[in-house]
Amino acid sequence: MEEFIPPPIIQPDIYPWGIRIAEPVTSLTALAIAVICWYAWRRLGRLERKSDVTLLIRGFFLLMALATLCGGIIGHAFLYKFTFAWKVPGWVLSMLSIAALERAAILHAKPLMPPFWGRFFSVLNIVELCIFLYLALSTLNFHFVEVHAGYGLLIVVGLFEGYVYRKKRDPGSRLILLAIPLAAVAAAAHLAKFSFSVWFTFFDIGHVLMCICAWSMMLGAERMGIYKENV
């Protein structure tokens, strides 16, 4: 496979106090995701009801906060100071965060399904992460990160939380499911390269939508039921 060639910078630089900041709006909207995810991590940590599911969702938010912090500062604002390979730590953190969210959804649904399928999808979660990590790191192609995120949110989280909602009418699952179409719109805007202007590009559209998704998922994590027995 050919090595990924990074796209040209599509947003003009700004120079506040003489400091060059590349893609300033994109950097700012990426940092907005980091702030919301960090807040969600802190807020969920104050829940009285603890479980492996909420622990994994907190892990998702923490890893995503770190990923978007790296992306906003190194991947956009100051990439001119680094080589393209410096984007990779943010990619890895992002993929780990999505894998944590997938595993949370699997564990949320696991008590409601036959034991074999719970074990099978728990193993598949790890195998799938390893495959996509290998593809992304061996090619330096961000598309594999995007495909992994799309698969994780639309297929894994969507199907398992949909299963829980169908079984239990879980209010937390409902809020998480409401976030998934917004993530799909964000991905579609990115794939179509749709931008309102050079100062609000498809990156920024996606970032704003992901802020809303993160907030909805946080509320979902607060409201979800934790189940112990098969039905």
Foldseek 3Di string as FASTA:
>chain_A
DAADDDDDQLADWDQVVHRTFFLQLLLVLLLLLLVLLVVLLVVLVPDPDDDLLSVLLSLLSNLSSVLSNQCSVCVGTPVVVDPNCSNVVSLLSNLSSLLSNLLSLLQQQCQADPVVVSVVVNVVSVVLSVVLNCVCVVRVDCVSSVVSNLCSLVPRLLVSLVVVCVVPVQPLSVLLNVLSVLLVVLVVQVVVFDAPDSSGTSSNSSSVSVSVNSVSNSVSSSRGDHDDHYD
